[in-house]
Amino acid sequence: MSLYVHATIKIKPGKLFEAYELLGRIVPEMEKAGWKLIGAYQGIVGETSTIVDLWEVQDANAVPALMASLAANPKMAELGPKLMELFAQEEFLQLMVKAPYSP
């Protein structure tokens, strides 16, 4: 059974396109660690500086395994702190399964 990680990132005002550029460079590093990006979304009404990513992972151990993998990755040592400077608040992660009515 696949699991999904729902990530919500609130970006500081005026920094959204800078975050997109960094995330575009971070996604391949996460995919190398076994995460599959299902979709990335931005609010157009309400919280317009909020990004929501939906990732498919194989099991619950994928979250700590990714963190360990990224901590040892030289690219992430450069990119991670730059992205975190753009956060308006701490990133929120939620591990999820498909609801019974989901296709």
Foldseek 3Di string as FASTA:
>chain_A
DKKKKKKKFAFDPPCQVVLVVLVVVCVVQLVVLPKAWPDKDADPPDRRRMIITMIIHHDPVSVVSSVVSLVPDPVSVPSVVVNVVGTPDDMDIDMGDDDPPDD
